[in-house]
Amino acid sequence: MIASGVTVSDICKTTYEEIKKDKKYRYVVFFIKDEKQIDVEVVGPRDAAYDAFLEDLQKGGSGECRYGLFDFEYTHQCQGTSEASKKQKLFLMLWCPDTAKVKKKMLYSSSFDALKKSLVGVQKYIQATDASEAAMDAVEEKLRATDRN
């Protein structure tokens, strides 16, 4: 895939660190500004629910793509033990609905790598084209698949 030439703004990296290290926010939604730079569109408070993340991710409407980073928490039951441990995983989602224009989808897809390289330590990358792929259950299943029993 050809790189799009889109750059990642410093605020994206700063906000990512605030989520990863400081646990300041629950999520951040990124967008491509003027087809030139990935920028922060909205951040979600630490107590925000996954539904709020999806709402912000899709706020642009059915023709818009976005990137979303979410600090996902769930409980993991290790095999052979009765205790469950809390797990946290950062995932980065490329939201490109089927209804978005081809040019927009190509721009977001080809710029995804630049964002991935800037945000070091993300545990999972997810591409979603409709609500079922972005749903909490589907995402949790993908994150759990990376757990060791």
C-alpha atoms as a PDB file:
ATOM      1  CA  MET A   1       0.000   0.000   0.000  1.00  0.00           C
ATOM      2  CA  ILE A   2       1.259   3.449  -0.865  1.00  0.00           C
ATOM      3  CA  ALA A   3       1.791   5.874   1.992  1.00  0.00           C
ATOM      4  CA  SER A   4      -0.524   8.848   1.750  1.00  0.00           C
ATOM      5  CA  GLY A   5       1.943  11.500   2.878  1.00  0.00           C
ATOM      6  CA  VAL A   6      -0.370  12.332   5.776  1.00  0.00           C
ATOM      7  CA  THR A   7       1.531  13.234   8.942  1.00  0.00           C
ATOM      8  CA  VAL A   8       0.612  12.687  12.583  1.00  0.00           C
ATOM      9  CA  SER A   9       0.334  15.826  14.717  1.00  0.00           C
ATOM     10  CA  ASP A  10       2.203  16.006  18.031  1.00  0.00           C
ATOM     11  CA  ILE A  11      -1.081  16.364  19.929  1.00  0.00           C
ATOM     12  CA  CYS A  12      -1.995  12.820  18.813  1.00  0.00           C
ATOM     13  CA  LYS A  13       1.150  11.432  20.420  1.00  0.00           C
ATOM     14  CA  THR A  14       0.710  13.549  23.569  1.00  0.00           C
ATOM     15  CA  THR A  15      -2.918  12.485  23.999  1.00  0.00           C
ATOM     16  CA  TYR A  16      -1.938   8.852  23.446  1.00  0.00           C
ATOM     17  CA  GLU A  17       0.685   9.065  26.205  1.00  0.00           C
ATOM     18  CA  GLU A  18      -1.905  10.674  28.519  1.00  0.00           C
ATOM     19  CA  ILE A  19      -4.140   7.645  27.980  1.00  0.00           C
ATOM     20  CA  LYS A  20      -1.397   5.007  28.087  1.00  0.00           C
ATOM     21  CA  LYS A  21       0.694   6.281  31.006  1.00  0.00           C
ATOM     22  CA  ASP A  22      -1.440   8.741  32.958  1.00  0.00           C
ATOM     23  CA  LYS A  23      -4.840   7.076  32.397  1.00  0.00           C
ATOM     24  CA  LYS A  24      -6.187  10.605  31.920  1.00  0.00           C
ATOM     25  CA  TYR A  25      -8.791   9.699  29.273  1.00  0.00           C
ATOM     26  CA  ARG A  26     -10.674   6.555  28.247  1.00  0.00           C
ATOM     27  CA  TYR A  27     -10.447   7.162  24.508  1.00  0.00           C
ATOM     28  CA  VAL A  28      -9.526   9.521  21.710  1.00  0.00           C
ATOM     29  CA  VAL A  29     -10.945   9.904  18.212  1.00  0.00           C
ATOM     30  CA  PHE A  30      -8.582  11.061  15.459  1.00  0.00           C
ATOM     31  CA  PHE A  31      -9.448  12.485  12.047  1.00  0.00           C
ATOM     32  CA  ILE A  32      -7.497  13.574   8.983  1.00  0.00           C
ATOM     33  CA  LYS A  33      -7.537  17.346   8.724  1.00  0.00           C
ATOM     34  CA  ASP A  34      -7.432  18.859   5.213  1.00  0.00           C
ATOM     35  CA  GLU A  35      -6.146  15.525   3.848  1.00  0.00           C
ATOM     36  CA  LYS A  36      -2.736  16.443   5.315  1.00  0.00           C
ATOM     37  CA  GLN A  37      -2.505  15.684   9.022  1.00  0.00           C
ATOM     38  CA  ILE A  38      -3.995  13.300  11.583  1.00  0.00           C
ATOM     39  CA  ASP A  39      -5.346  15.343  14.473  1.00  0.00           C
ATOM     40  CA  VAL A  40      -7.376  14.853  17.654  1.00  0.00           C
ATOM     41  CA  GLU A  41     -11.114  15.336  17.197  1.00  0.00           C
ATOM     42  CA  VAL A  42     -12.424  14.399  20.630  1.00  0.00           C
ATOM     43  CA  VAL A  43     -11.250  12.774  23.871  1.00  0.00           C
ATOM     44  CA  GLY A  44     -13.451  10.756  26.197  1.00  0.00           C
ATOM     45  CA  PRO A  45     -13.323  11.142  29.981  1.00  0.00           C
ATOM     46  CA  ARG A  46     -11.903   8.252  31.996  1.00  0.00           C
ATOM     47  CA  ASP A  47     -15.379   7.172  33.155  1.00  0.00           C
ATOM     48  CA  ALA A  48     -16.798   7.144  29.604  1.00  0.00           C
ATOM     49  CA  ALA A  49     -18.572   4.017  28.394  1.00  0.00           C
ATOM     50  CA  TYR A  50     -17.794   2.149  25.174  1.00  0.00           C
ATOM     51  CA  ASP A  51     -21.098   3.392  23.699  1.00  0.00           C
ATOM     52  CA  ALA A  52     -19.891   6.993  24.000  1.00  0.00           C
ATOM     53  CA  PHE A  53     -16.726   6.021  22.101  1.00  0.00           C
ATOM     54  CA  LEU A  54     -18.761   4.485  19.271  1.00  0.00           C
ATOM     55  CA  GLU A  55     -20.997   7.534  19.151  1.00  0.00           C
ATOM     56  CA  ASP A  56     -18.014   9.895  18.831  1.00  0.00           C
ATOM     57  CA  LEU A  57     -16.356   7.593  16.302  1.00  0.00           C
ATOM     58  CA  GLN A  58     -19.451   7.704  14.086  1.00  0.00           C
ATOM     59  CA  LYS A  59     -20.448  11.321  14.743  1.00  0.00           C
ATOM     60  CA  GLY A  60     -19.268  12.409  11.297  1.00  0.00           C
ATOM     61  CA  GLY A  61     -22.028  10.386   9.656  1.00  0.00           C
ATOM     62  CA  SER A  62     -22.141   7.411   7.349  1.00  0.00           C
ATOM     63  CA  GLY A  63     -19.755   8.951   4.816  1.00  0.00           C
ATOM     64  CA  GLU A  64     -16.925   9.658   7.262  1.00  0.00           C
ATOM     65  CA  CYS A  65     -13.979   7.528   8.368  1.00  0.00           C
ATOM     66  CA  ARG A  66     -12.168   7.945  11.695  1.00  0.00           C
ATOM     67  CA  TYR A  67      -9.488   6.400  13.879  1.00  0.00           C
ATOM     68  CA  GLY A  68     -10.310   5.587  17.464  1.00  0.00           C
ATOM     69  CA  LEU A  69      -8.057   4.566  20.335  1.00  0.00           C
ATOM     70  CA  PHE A  70      -9.709   2.994  23.367  1.00  0.00           C
ATOM     71  CA  ASP A  71      -8.311   1.777  26.698  1.00  0.00           C
ATOM     72  CA  PHE A  72     -10.374  -1.400  27.062  1.00  0.00           C
ATOM     73  CA  GLU A  73     -10.805  -3.106  30.444  1.00  0.00           C
ATOM     74  CA  TYR A  74     -12.171  -6.570  31.054  1.00  0.00           C
ATOM     75  CA  THR A  75     -11.751  -9.477  33.442  1.00  0.00           C
ATOM     76  CA  HIS A  76      -9.761 -12.502  32.411  1.00  0.00           C
ATOM     77  CA  GLN A  77     -10.196 -15.902  34.024  1.00  0.00           C
ATOM     78  CA  CYS A  78      -7.021 -17.952  33.881  1.00  0.00           C
ATOM     79  CA  GLN A  79      -7.589 -21.645  33.232  1.00  0.00           C
ATOM     80  CA  GLY A  80      -7.288 -23.791  36.326  1.00  0.00           C
ATOM     81  CA  THR A  81      -7.733 -20.900  38.746  1.00  0.00           C
ATOM     82  CA  SER A  82     -10.762 -19.452  40.434  1.00  0.00           C
ATOM     83  CA  GLU A  83      -9.480 -15.920  40.415  1.00  0.00           C
ATOM     84  CA  ALA A  84     -10.116 -13.452  37.655  1.00  0.00           C
ATOM     85  CA  SER A  85      -7.692 -10.680  36.880  1.00  0.00           C
ATOM     86  CA  LYS A  86      -8.452  -7.300  35.406  1.00  0.00           C
ATOM     87  CA  LYS A  87      -6.904  -6.704  32.032  1.00  0.00           C
ATOM     88  CA  GLN A  88      -6.398  -3.480  30.140  1.00  0.00           C
ATOM     89  CA  LYS A  89      -5.588  -3.332  26.472  1.00  0.00           C
ATOM     90  CA  LEU A  90      -5.193  -0.395  24.147  1.00  0.00           C
ATOM     91  CA  PHE A  91      -6.644  -0.904  20.716  1.00  0.00           C
ATOM     92  CA  LEU A  92      -6.634   1.323  17.683  1.00  0.00           C
ATOM     93  CA  MET A  93      -9.602   1.099  15.367  1.00  0.00           C
ATOM     94  CA  LEU A  94      -9.868   2.190  11.778  1.00  0.00           C
ATOM     95  CA  TRP A  95     -13.539   3.033  11.276  1.00  0.00           C
ATOM     96  CA  CYS A  96     -14.317   3.063   7.549  1.00  0.00           C
ATOM     97  CA  PRO A  97     -18.011   2.433   6.910  1.00  0.00           C
ATOM     98  CA  ASP A  98     -18.959   0.784   3.620  1.00  0.00           C
ATOM     99  CA  THR A  99     -20.979   3.914   2.860  1.00  0.00           C
ATOM    100  CA  ALA A 100     -17.908   6.205   2.869  1.00  0.00           C
ATOM    101  CA  LYS A 101     -16.533   7.430  -0.452  1.00  0.00           C
ATOM    102  CA  VAL A 102     -13.759   5.344  -1.984  1.00  0.00           C
ATOM    103  CA  LYS A 103     -11.277   8.239  -1.957  1.00  0.00           C
ATOM    104  CA  LYS A 104     -11.856   8.809   1.770  1.00  0.00           C
ATOM    105  CA  LYS A 105     -11.508   5.099   2.567  1.00  0.00           C
ATOM    106  CA  MET A 106      -8.251   4.937   0.622  1.00  0.00           C
ATOM    107  CA  LEU A 107      -6.879   8.015   2.405  1.00  0.00           C
ATOM    108  CA  TYR A 108      -7.674   6.618   5.860  1.00  0.00           C
ATOM    109  CA  SER A 109      -6.451   3.112   5.009  1.00  0.00           C
ATOM    110  CA  SER A 110      -3.159   4.324   3.557  1.00  0.00           C
ATOM    111  CA  SER A 111      -2.574   6.691   6.505  1.00  0.00           C
ATOM    112  CA  PHE A 112      -3.290   4.025   9.148  1.00  0.00           C
ATOM    113  CA  ASP A 113       0.360   2.885   9.148  1.00  0.00           C
ATOM    114  CA  ALA A 114       1.652   6.368   9.967  1.00  0.00           C
ATOM    115  CA  LEU A 115      -0.621   6.481  13.007  1.00  0.00           C
ATOM    116  CA  LYS A 116       0.333   2.931  14.054  1.00  0.00           C
ATOM    117  CA  LYS A 117       4.024   3.846  13.954  1.00  0.00           C
ATOM    118  CA  SER A 118       3.447   6.966  16.075  1.00  0.00           C
ATOM    119  CA  LEU A 119       1.487   5.225  18.814  1.00  0.00           C
ATOM    120  CA  VAL A 120       3.938   2.704  20.228  1.00  0.00           C
ATOM    121  CA  GLY A 121       2.469   0.093  22.561  1.00  0.00           C
ATOM    122  CA  VAL A 122      -0.991  -0.416  21.085  1.00  0.00           C
ATOM    123  CA  GLN A 123      -1.874  -4.076  21.624  1.00  0.00           C
ATOM    124  CA  LYS A 124      -4.410  -4.594  18.853  1.00  0.00           C
ATOM    125  CA  TYR A 125      -5.401  -3.020  15.552  1.00  0.00           C
ATOM    126  CA  ILE A 126      -8.988  -3.431  14.420  1.00  0.00           C
ATOM    127  CA  GLN A 127     -10.606  -2.470  11.144  1.00  0.00           C
ATOM    128  CA  ALA A 128     -14.356  -1.974  11.221  1.00  0.00           C
ATOM    129  CA  THR A 129     -16.665  -1.243   8.318  1.00  0.00           C
ATOM    130  CA  ASP A 130     -20.004  -1.558  10.110  1.00  0.00           C
ATOM    131  CA  ALA A 131     -21.562  -1.436  13.577  1.00  0.00           C
ATOM    132  CA  SER A 132     -21.278  -5.201  14.148  1.00  0.00           C
ATOM    133  CA  GLU A 133     -17.482  -5.149  13.638  1.00  0.00           C
ATOM    134  CA  ALA A 134     -17.120  -2.162  15.981  1.00  0.00           C
ATOM    135  CA  ALA A 135     -19.477  -3.586  18.639  1.00  0.00           C
ATOM    136  CA  MET A 136     -18.108  -4.134  22.125  1.00  0.00           C
ATOM    137  CA  ASP A 137     -18.606  -7.924  21.979  1.00  0.00           C
ATOM    138  CA  ALA A 138     -16.717  -8.253  18.687  1.00  0.00           C
ATOM    139  CA  VAL A 139     -13.848  -6.104  19.963  1.00  0.00           C
ATOM    140  CA  GLU A 140     -13.629  -7.923  23.291  1.00  0.00           C
ATOM    141  CA  GLU A 141     -13.502 -11.252  21.451  1.00  0.00           C
ATOM    142  CA  LYS A 142     -10.552 -10.008  19.356  1.00  0.00           C
ATOM    143  CA  LEU A 143      -8.740  -8.728  22.457  1.00  0.00           C
ATOM    144  CA  ARG A 144      -9.351 -11.943  24.401  1.00  0.00           C
ATOM    145  CA  ALA A 145      -7.944 -13.966  21.500  1.00  0.00           C
ATOM    146  CA  THR A 146      -4.551 -12.465  22.343  1.00  0.00           C
ATOM    147  CA  ASP A 147      -4.722 -13.652  25.988  1.00  0.00           C
ATOM    148  CA  ARG A 148      -2.907 -16.745  27.103  1.00  0.00           C
ATOM    149  CA  ASN A 149      -4.966 -19.201  29.136  1.00  0.00           C
END
